[in-house]
N, C-alpha and C. Protein backbone atom coordinates (compact mmCIF):
# COMPACT_ATOMS: atom_id res chain seq x y z
N MET A 1 -27.23 37.63 56.90
CA MET A 1 -28.08 37.13 55.83
C MET A 1 -29.47 36.88 56.40
N VAL A 2 -30.48 37.29 55.65
CA VAL A 2 -31.86 37.14 56.07
C VAL A 2 -32.33 35.73 55.74
N HIS A 3 -33.04 35.12 56.67
CA HIS A 3 -33.54 33.76 56.51
C HIS A 3 -34.81 33.76 55.68
N LYS A 4 -34.90 32.84 54.71
CA LYS A 4 -36.12 32.68 53.91
C LYS A 4 -37.07 31.72 54.62
N SER A 5 -38.34 31.93 54.42
CA SER A 5 -39.32 30.99 54.96
C SER A 5 -39.22 29.68 54.18
N LYS A 6 -39.72 28.61 54.78
CA LYS A 6 -39.71 27.31 54.09
C LYS A 6 -40.59 27.36 52.84
N LYS A 7 -41.69 28.07 52.93
CA LYS A 7 -42.59 28.20 51.78
C LYS A 7 -41.88 28.91 50.62
N LEU A 8 -41.19 30.01 50.92
CA LEU A 8 -40.45 30.73 49.89
C LEU A 8 -39.34 29.86 49.33
N THR A 9 -38.64 29.15 50.18
CA THR A 9 -37.56 28.26 49.73
C THR A 9 -38.10 27.19 48.79
N ALA A 10 -39.25 26.63 49.12
CA ALA A 10 -39.85 25.58 48.29
C ALA A 10 -40.26 26.12 46.92
N VAL A 11 -40.92 27.27 46.90
CA VAL A 11 -41.35 27.85 45.63
C VAL A 11 -40.12 28.25 44.81
N TYR A 12 -39.15 28.84 45.45
CA TYR A 12 -37.90 29.21 44.77
C TYR A 12 -37.24 27.97 44.17
N ALA A 13 -37.18 26.89 44.93
CA ALA A 13 -36.56 25.65 44.45
C ALA A 13 -37.27 25.14 43.20
N LEU A 14 -38.58 25.17 43.21
CA LEU A 14 -39.33 24.69 42.06
C LEU A 14 -39.04 25.50 40.80
N ILE A 15 -38.83 26.80 40.96
CA ILE A 15 -38.55 27.67 39.82
C ILE A 15 -37.07 27.59 39.42
N MET A 16 -36.18 27.70 40.36
CA MET A 16 -34.75 27.76 40.09
C MET A 16 -34.20 26.44 39.56
N ASP A 17 -34.71 25.35 40.05
CA ASP A 17 -34.08 24.06 39.79
C ASP A 17 -34.47 23.40 38.49
N LEU A 18 -35.51 23.86 37.84
CA LEU A 18 -35.91 23.23 36.59
C LEU A 18 -34.83 23.36 35.51
N PRO A 19 -34.37 24.57 35.18
CA PRO A 19 -33.31 24.65 34.15
C PRO A 19 -32.02 23.97 34.61
N LEU A 20 -31.71 24.08 35.89
CA LEU A 20 -30.51 23.43 36.42
C LEU A 20 -30.59 21.92 36.26
N SER A 21 -31.71 21.33 36.62
CA SER A 21 -31.87 19.88 36.53
C SER A 21 -31.79 19.38 35.09
N ILE A 22 -32.41 20.11 34.19
CA ILE A 22 -32.39 19.72 32.77
C ILE A 22 -30.97 19.78 32.23
N LEU A 23 -30.28 20.89 32.49
CA LEU A 23 -28.92 21.05 31.96
C LEU A 23 -27.94 20.04 32.55
N ILE A 24 -27.97 19.85 33.85
CA ILE A 24 -27.06 18.90 34.49
C ILE A 24 -27.33 17.49 33.99
N THR A 25 -28.59 17.15 33.80
CA THR A 25 -28.92 15.82 33.28
C THR A 25 -28.39 15.65 31.86
N LEU A 26 -28.59 16.66 31.02
CA LEU A 26 -28.06 16.59 29.65
C LEU A 26 -26.55 16.39 29.64
N ILE A 27 -25.85 17.20 30.41
CA ILE A 27 -24.39 17.11 30.45
C ILE A 27 -23.96 15.74 30.96
N SER A 28 -24.56 15.28 32.04
CA SER A 28 -24.20 13.99 32.63
C SER A 28 -24.41 12.84 31.65
N LEU A 29 -25.53 12.86 30.96
CA LEU A 29 -25.82 11.78 30.02
C LEU A 29 -24.95 11.84 28.77
N VAL A 30 -24.62 13.04 28.33
CA VAL A 30 -23.69 13.17 27.20
C VAL A 30 -22.32 12.63 27.59
N LEU A 31 -21.86 12.99 28.78
CA LEU A 31 -20.57 12.47 29.27
C LEU A 31 -20.58 10.95 29.38
N ALA A 32 -21.72 10.39 29.75
CA ALA A 32 -21.84 8.94 29.91
C ALA A 32 -22.12 8.24 28.58
N GLY A 33 -22.40 9.01 27.53
CA GLY A 33 -22.72 8.42 26.24
C GLY A 33 -24.06 7.72 26.23
N ASN A 34 -25.01 8.23 27.03
CA ASN A 34 -26.30 7.57 27.18
C ASN A 34 -27.45 8.58 27.12
N LEU A 35 -27.48 9.37 26.07
CA LEU A 35 -28.51 10.40 25.96
C LEU A 35 -29.76 9.85 25.28
N ALA A 36 -30.40 8.92 25.95
CA ALA A 36 -31.66 8.34 25.46
C ALA A 36 -32.82 8.97 26.24
N ALA A 37 -33.95 9.14 25.57
CA ALA A 37 -35.09 9.82 26.18
C ALA A 37 -35.54 9.20 27.50
N PRO A 38 -35.69 7.86 27.60
CA PRO A 38 -36.15 7.30 28.88
C PRO A 38 -35.16 7.59 30.02
N MET A 39 -33.87 7.49 29.74
CA MET A 39 -32.87 7.77 30.77
C MET A 39 -32.88 9.25 31.13
N PHE A 40 -33.04 10.12 30.11
CA PHE A 40 -33.09 11.55 30.37
C PHE A 40 -34.26 11.88 31.30
N ILE A 41 -35.42 11.34 31.02
CA ILE A 41 -36.60 11.63 31.84
C ILE A 41 -36.39 11.18 33.28
N ARG A 42 -35.91 9.95 33.46
CA ARG A 42 -35.67 9.44 34.83
C ARG A 42 -34.65 10.29 35.58
N MET A 43 -33.54 10.58 34.91
CA MET A 43 -32.47 11.30 35.59
C MET A 43 -32.83 12.77 35.82
N ALA A 44 -33.57 13.39 34.91
CA ALA A 44 -33.99 14.78 35.10
C ALA A 44 -34.95 14.89 36.29
N ILE A 45 -35.85 13.93 36.40
CA ILE A 45 -36.76 13.93 37.56
C ILE A 45 -35.97 13.73 38.85
N LEU A 46 -35.02 12.80 38.83
CA LEU A 46 -34.17 12.58 40.01
C LEU A 46 -33.41 13.85 40.37
N ALA A 47 -32.81 14.50 39.38
CA ALA A 47 -32.06 15.74 39.64
C ALA A 47 -32.97 16.82 40.21
N TYR A 48 -34.18 16.93 39.69
CA TYR A 48 -35.12 17.95 40.16
C TYR A 48 -35.51 17.70 41.62
N VAL A 49 -35.75 16.45 41.96
CA VAL A 49 -36.10 16.11 43.34
C VAL A 49 -34.91 16.38 44.27
N ILE A 50 -33.72 15.97 43.86
CA ILE A 50 -32.52 16.18 44.69
C ILE A 50 -32.29 17.67 44.91
N THR A 51 -32.32 18.45 43.82
CA THR A 51 -32.05 19.88 43.98
C THR A 51 -33.11 20.57 44.83
N PHE A 52 -34.34 20.09 44.76
CA PHE A 52 -35.38 20.66 45.61
C PHE A 52 -34.96 20.57 47.08
N PHE A 53 -34.51 19.39 47.51
CA PHE A 53 -34.13 19.21 48.91
C PHE A 53 -32.81 19.89 49.26
N VAL A 54 -31.90 19.98 48.30
CA VAL A 54 -30.62 20.65 48.55
C VAL A 54 -30.85 22.13 48.89
N ASN A 55 -31.92 22.71 48.34
CA ASN A 55 -32.24 24.11 48.64
C ASN A 55 -32.47 24.38 50.12
N PHE A 56 -32.77 23.35 50.89
CA PHE A 56 -33.01 23.54 52.31
C PHE A 56 -31.73 23.44 53.15
N LEU A 57 -30.60 23.15 52.50
CA LEU A 57 -29.30 23.21 53.19
C LEU A 57 -28.89 24.68 53.31
N PRO A 58 -28.00 25.00 54.25
CA PRO A 58 -27.61 26.41 54.41
C PRO A 58 -26.54 26.87 53.42
N ALA A 59 -26.53 26.34 52.21
CA ALA A 59 -25.53 26.73 51.21
C ALA A 59 -25.54 28.24 50.93
N PRO A 60 -26.72 28.88 50.79
CA PRO A 60 -26.69 30.33 50.58
C PRO A 60 -26.04 31.09 51.74
N LYS A 61 -26.23 30.62 52.95
CA LYS A 61 -25.58 31.26 54.10
C LYS A 61 -24.07 31.08 54.02
N TRP A 62 -23.62 29.88 53.66
CA TRP A 62 -22.19 29.64 53.50
C TRP A 62 -21.62 30.55 52.41
N GLY A 63 -22.37 30.67 51.30
CA GLY A 63 -21.93 31.54 50.21
C GLY A 63 -21.90 32.99 50.63
N PHE A 64 -22.94 33.41 51.36
CA PHE A 64 -23.01 34.80 51.84
C PHE A 64 -21.84 35.08 52.78
N ASP A 65 -21.59 34.18 53.73
CA ASP A 65 -20.50 34.37 54.68
C ASP A 65 -19.15 34.46 53.98
N PHE A 66 -18.97 33.66 52.94
CA PHE A 66 -17.72 33.70 52.17
C PHE A 66 -17.62 35.00 51.38
N ALA A 67 -18.70 35.37 50.70
CA ALA A 67 -18.69 36.56 49.85
C ALA A 67 -18.51 37.83 50.65
N ILE A 68 -19.12 37.91 51.82
CA ILE A 68 -19.07 39.13 52.62
C ILE A 68 -17.64 39.40 53.14
N LYS A 69 -16.83 38.34 53.25
CA LYS A 69 -15.44 38.49 53.70
C LYS A 69 -14.55 39.05 52.60
N HIS A 70 -14.98 38.91 51.34
CA HIS A 70 -14.10 39.24 50.23
C HIS A 70 -14.66 40.28 49.27
N SER A 71 -15.87 40.80 49.55
CA SER A 71 -16.47 41.76 48.63
C SER A 71 -17.59 42.54 49.30
N GLU A 72 -18.10 43.50 48.57
CA GLU A 72 -19.20 44.33 49.06
C GLU A 72 -20.54 43.79 48.55
N PRO A 73 -21.56 43.70 49.41
CA PRO A 73 -22.89 43.27 48.95
C PRO A 73 -23.40 44.14 47.81
N GLY A 74 -24.12 43.52 46.90
CA GLY A 74 -24.69 44.25 45.78
C GLY A 74 -23.77 44.38 44.58
N THR A 75 -22.54 43.90 44.69
CA THR A 75 -21.61 43.97 43.57
C THR A 75 -21.59 42.65 42.80
N PHE A 76 -21.10 42.72 41.57
CA PHE A 76 -20.97 41.50 40.77
C PHE A 76 -20.06 40.50 41.46
N LYS A 77 -18.97 40.99 42.03
CA LYS A 77 -18.02 40.11 42.72
C LYS A 77 -18.71 39.37 43.88
N PHE A 78 -19.53 40.09 44.62
CA PHE A 78 -20.26 39.47 45.73
C PHE A 78 -21.15 38.34 45.22
N GLY A 79 -21.93 38.62 44.17
CA GLY A 79 -22.80 37.60 43.59
C GLY A 79 -22.03 36.41 43.07
N LEU A 80 -20.90 36.68 42.44
CA LEU A 80 -20.06 35.60 41.91
C LEU A 80 -19.53 34.73 43.05
N LEU A 81 -18.98 35.35 44.08
CA LEU A 81 -18.42 34.58 45.20
C LEU A 81 -19.50 33.78 45.92
N LEU A 82 -20.64 34.40 46.14
CA LEU A 82 -21.75 33.69 46.80
C LEU A 82 -22.15 32.47 45.96
N ASN A 83 -22.32 32.67 44.65
CA ASN A 83 -22.76 31.59 43.77
C ASN A 83 -21.68 30.54 43.54
N LEU A 84 -20.40 30.89 43.68
CA LEU A 84 -19.34 29.88 43.59
C LEU A 84 -19.55 28.80 44.65
N VAL A 85 -19.88 29.23 45.85
CA VAL A 85 -20.08 28.30 46.96
C VAL A 85 -21.38 27.52 46.78
N VAL A 86 -22.47 28.21 46.49
CA VAL A 86 -23.76 27.55 46.35
C VAL A 86 -23.72 26.53 45.21
N ALA A 87 -23.17 26.92 44.07
CA ALA A 87 -23.08 26.01 42.93
C ALA A 87 -22.24 24.79 43.28
N ALA A 88 -21.16 24.98 44.03
CA ALA A 88 -20.31 23.86 44.42
C ALA A 88 -21.09 22.86 45.28
N VAL A 89 -21.87 23.35 46.21
CA VAL A 89 -22.67 22.46 47.07
C VAL A 89 -23.65 21.64 46.22
N PHE A 90 -24.36 22.32 45.32
CA PHE A 90 -25.32 21.63 44.47
C PHE A 90 -24.64 20.58 43.60
N VAL A 91 -23.53 20.95 42.97
CA VAL A 91 -22.88 20.04 42.03
C VAL A 91 -22.25 18.85 42.75
N VAL A 92 -21.65 19.07 43.90
CA VAL A 92 -21.07 17.94 44.64
C VAL A 92 -22.17 16.92 44.97
N ILE A 93 -23.27 17.40 45.50
CA ILE A 93 -24.35 16.49 45.89
C ILE A 93 -24.96 15.81 44.66
N LEU A 94 -25.26 16.59 43.63
CA LEU A 94 -25.82 16.01 42.41
C LEU A 94 -24.85 15.03 41.77
N ASP A 95 -23.60 15.39 41.72
CA ASP A 95 -22.59 14.52 41.10
C ASP A 95 -22.49 13.19 41.83
N LEU A 96 -22.43 13.24 43.14
CA LEU A 96 -22.30 12.00 43.92
C LEU A 96 -23.53 11.10 43.75
N ILE A 97 -24.72 11.68 43.86
CA ILE A 97 -25.95 10.87 43.82
C ILE A 97 -26.29 10.43 42.39
N MET A 98 -26.29 11.37 41.46
CA MET A 98 -26.67 11.00 40.10
C MET A 98 -25.67 10.06 39.44
N THR A 99 -24.41 10.23 39.75
CA THR A 99 -23.41 9.32 39.19
C THR A 99 -23.57 7.93 39.79
N ALA A 100 -23.89 7.87 41.07
CA ALA A 100 -24.13 6.55 41.69
C ALA A 100 -25.31 5.86 41.01
N VAL A 101 -26.37 6.60 40.79
CA VAL A 101 -27.54 6.00 40.14
C VAL A 101 -27.21 5.59 38.71
N GLY A 102 -26.58 6.49 37.97
CA GLY A 102 -26.28 6.21 36.57
C GLY A 102 -25.25 5.11 36.37
N VAL A 103 -24.16 5.17 37.12
CA VAL A 103 -23.06 4.21 36.93
C VAL A 103 -23.32 2.91 37.67
N LEU A 104 -23.69 2.99 38.92
CA LEU A 104 -23.81 1.78 39.74
C LEU A 104 -25.17 1.09 39.59
N VAL A 105 -26.26 1.86 39.58
CA VAL A 105 -27.59 1.25 39.55
C VAL A 105 -27.99 0.90 38.12
N PHE A 106 -28.08 1.92 37.25
CA PHE A 106 -28.53 1.66 35.88
C PHE A 106 -27.43 1.06 35.00
N GLY A 107 -26.18 1.45 35.25
CA GLY A 107 -25.09 1.00 34.39
C GLY A 107 -24.40 -0.28 34.83
N GLY A 108 -24.62 -0.69 36.07
CA GLY A 108 -23.97 -1.90 36.57
C GLY A 108 -22.46 -1.78 36.64
N GLY A 109 -21.95 -0.55 36.79
CA GLY A 109 -20.50 -0.33 36.82
C GLY A 109 -19.89 -0.64 38.17
N THR A 110 -18.58 -0.53 38.21
CA THR A 110 -17.81 -0.80 39.42
C THR A 110 -17.64 0.49 40.22
N PHE A 111 -17.17 0.33 41.46
CA PHE A 111 -16.91 1.50 42.29
C PHE A 111 -15.81 2.35 41.68
N GLN A 112 -14.83 1.73 41.06
CA GLN A 112 -13.75 2.46 40.40
C GLN A 112 -14.31 3.32 39.26
N MET A 113 -15.23 2.75 38.49
CA MET A 113 -15.88 3.51 37.42
C MET A 113 -16.67 4.68 38.00
N TYR A 114 -17.30 4.45 39.14
CA TYR A 114 -18.05 5.51 39.82
C TYR A 114 -17.13 6.67 40.20
N ILE A 115 -16.01 6.37 40.83
CA ILE A 115 -15.07 7.42 41.26
C ILE A 115 -14.56 8.21 40.06
N VAL A 116 -14.17 7.51 39.01
CA VAL A 116 -13.67 8.18 37.80
C VAL A 116 -14.76 9.08 37.21
N SER A 117 -15.98 8.57 37.19
CA SER A 117 -17.11 9.35 36.64
C SER A 117 -17.43 10.56 37.50
N VAL A 118 -17.39 10.42 38.82
CA VAL A 118 -17.63 11.55 39.72
C VAL A 118 -16.58 12.63 39.48
N LEU A 119 -15.33 12.24 39.43
CA LEU A 119 -14.26 13.21 39.24
C LEU A 119 -14.32 13.86 37.86
N GLY A 120 -14.65 13.05 36.86
CA GLY A 120 -14.72 13.56 35.50
C GLY A 120 -15.94 14.43 35.23
N GLY A 121 -16.97 14.28 36.02
CA GLY A 121 -18.20 15.03 35.79
C GLY A 121 -18.29 16.34 36.53
N PHE A 122 -17.42 16.56 37.52
CA PHE A 122 -17.58 17.75 38.36
C PHE A 122 -17.44 19.05 37.57
N VAL A 123 -16.31 19.26 36.92
CA VAL A 123 -16.08 20.54 36.23
C VAL A 123 -17.08 20.77 35.10
N PRO A 124 -17.34 19.75 34.23
CA PRO A 124 -18.33 20.00 33.17
C PRO A 124 -19.73 20.34 33.69
N CYS A 125 -20.05 19.92 34.89
CA CYS A 125 -21.35 20.25 35.48
C CYS A 125 -21.28 21.54 36.31
N TYR A 126 -20.13 21.82 36.91
CA TYR A 126 -20.00 22.98 37.78
C TYR A 126 -20.10 24.30 37.01
N VAL A 127 -19.39 24.39 35.91
CA VAL A 127 -19.35 25.65 35.16
C VAL A 127 -20.76 26.07 34.69
N PRO A 128 -21.52 25.18 34.03
CA PRO A 128 -22.88 25.60 33.65
C PRO A 128 -23.79 25.87 34.84
N THR A 129 -23.59 25.14 35.94
CA THR A 129 -24.39 25.40 37.14
C THR A 129 -24.12 26.79 37.66
N LEU A 130 -22.87 27.19 37.68
CA LEU A 130 -22.51 28.53 38.13
C LEU A 130 -23.12 29.59 37.21
N ILE A 131 -23.08 29.34 35.91
CA ILE A 131 -23.66 30.29 34.95
C ILE A 131 -25.18 30.40 35.16
N ILE A 132 -25.85 29.26 35.31
CA ILE A 132 -27.29 29.28 35.57
C ILE A 132 -27.58 30.03 36.87
N ALA A 133 -26.79 29.78 37.90
CA ALA A 133 -27.00 30.47 39.18
C ALA A 133 -26.86 31.98 39.02
N MET A 134 -25.86 32.40 38.27
CA MET A 134 -25.63 33.84 38.09
C MET A 134 -26.76 34.48 37.27
N LEU A 135 -27.25 33.79 36.26
CA LEU A 135 -28.27 34.37 35.39
C LEU A 135 -29.69 34.21 35.89
N TRP A 136 -29.99 33.10 36.55
CA TRP A 136 -31.37 32.73 36.85
C TRP A 136 -31.75 32.99 38.31
N ASN A 137 -30.78 33.15 39.20
CA ASN A 137 -31.08 33.34 40.62
C ASN A 137 -31.96 34.56 40.87
N GLY A 138 -31.61 35.69 40.30
CA GLY A 138 -32.39 36.91 40.52
C GLY A 138 -33.83 36.78 40.04
N PRO A 139 -34.05 36.39 38.77
CA PRO A 139 -35.43 36.23 38.31
C PRO A 139 -36.21 35.17 39.11
N ALA A 140 -35.55 34.06 39.45
CA ALA A 140 -36.23 33.01 40.23
C ALA A 140 -36.62 33.52 41.61
N ASP A 141 -35.74 34.31 42.21
CA ASP A 141 -36.03 34.87 43.53
C ASP A 141 -37.20 35.85 43.45
N LYS A 142 -37.19 36.72 42.45
CA LYS A 142 -38.28 37.70 42.29
C LYS A 142 -39.61 37.00 42.04
N MET A 143 -39.61 35.99 41.15
CA MET A 143 -40.86 35.27 40.86
C MET A 143 -41.38 34.55 42.11
N SER A 144 -40.48 33.89 42.84
CA SER A 144 -40.93 33.15 44.02
C SER A 144 -41.44 34.09 45.09
N ARG A 145 -40.82 35.24 45.25
CA ARG A 145 -41.29 36.21 46.24
C ARG A 145 -42.66 36.77 45.84
N ALA A 146 -42.87 36.99 44.54
CA ALA A 146 -44.17 37.48 44.07
C ALA A 146 -45.26 36.44 44.31
N ILE A 147 -44.94 35.17 44.09
CA ILE A 147 -45.92 34.10 44.29
C ILE A 147 -46.27 33.96 45.77
N VAL A 148 -45.26 33.98 46.62
CA VAL A 148 -45.45 33.76 48.06
C VAL A 148 -45.90 35.03 48.77
N GLY A 149 -45.54 36.19 48.22
CA GLY A 149 -45.87 37.46 48.86
C GLY A 149 -44.89 37.84 49.95
N GLU A 150 -43.69 37.35 49.84
CA GLU A 150 -42.64 37.65 50.82
C GLU A 150 -41.71 38.71 50.20
N PRO A 151 -41.56 39.86 50.85
CA PRO A 151 -40.76 40.94 50.24
C PRO A 151 -39.27 40.63 50.22
N MET A 152 -38.58 41.33 49.35
CA MET A 152 -37.13 41.23 49.24
C MET A 152 -36.52 41.90 50.47
N PRO A 153 -35.59 41.24 51.16
CA PRO A 153 -34.99 41.86 52.34
C PRO A 153 -33.97 42.93 51.93
N GLU A 154 -33.76 43.84 52.83
CA GLU A 154 -32.71 44.84 52.64
C GLU A 154 -31.37 44.17 52.89
N ILE A 155 -30.44 44.33 51.96
CA ILE A 155 -29.10 43.76 52.15
C ILE A 155 -28.24 44.84 52.79
N PRO A 156 -27.65 44.51 53.93
CA PRO A 156 -26.81 45.49 54.59
C PRO A 156 -25.57 45.76 53.74
N THR A 157 -25.16 47.03 53.70
CA THR A 157 -23.95 47.38 52.94
C THR A 157 -22.74 47.50 53.85
N SER A 158 -22.97 47.51 55.15
CA SER A 158 -21.85 47.52 56.09
C SER A 158 -22.29 46.84 57.38
N PHE A 159 -21.31 46.38 58.12
CA PHE A 159 -21.59 45.69 59.38
C PHE A 159 -20.87 46.32 60.52
């Protein structure tokens, strides 16, 4: 897997994470029964900041390493397997942090309520995150590369 520059990663994060942050915030607040505008704004900003930094973790490498063992690069299956891993990393981190803020900080809930909320929020947030990753990753990557001027790397078809 080819390494992205920090500049490209940052620009990509800014483009890729906006729809992800908005959708995850909407789902989380609907699940919590607290879809009020002030809470939405606070939590969407928090999600956007968190996802920005999560982009600097090696999740794409983990996804690539997993996908390359089970499929051919450039195929739908490869993209799906890669994004299964990347989406899981994003959702686990977002779920843990945003639920803590929503349940424990803003909601004054108990640790037991936090655990139940984390477990209950994973799947409803994971599926849309995976869909966004599959649909938006390519356009976000192309736009960020055009902005930064970093070319698309050649993906090896065999090793």
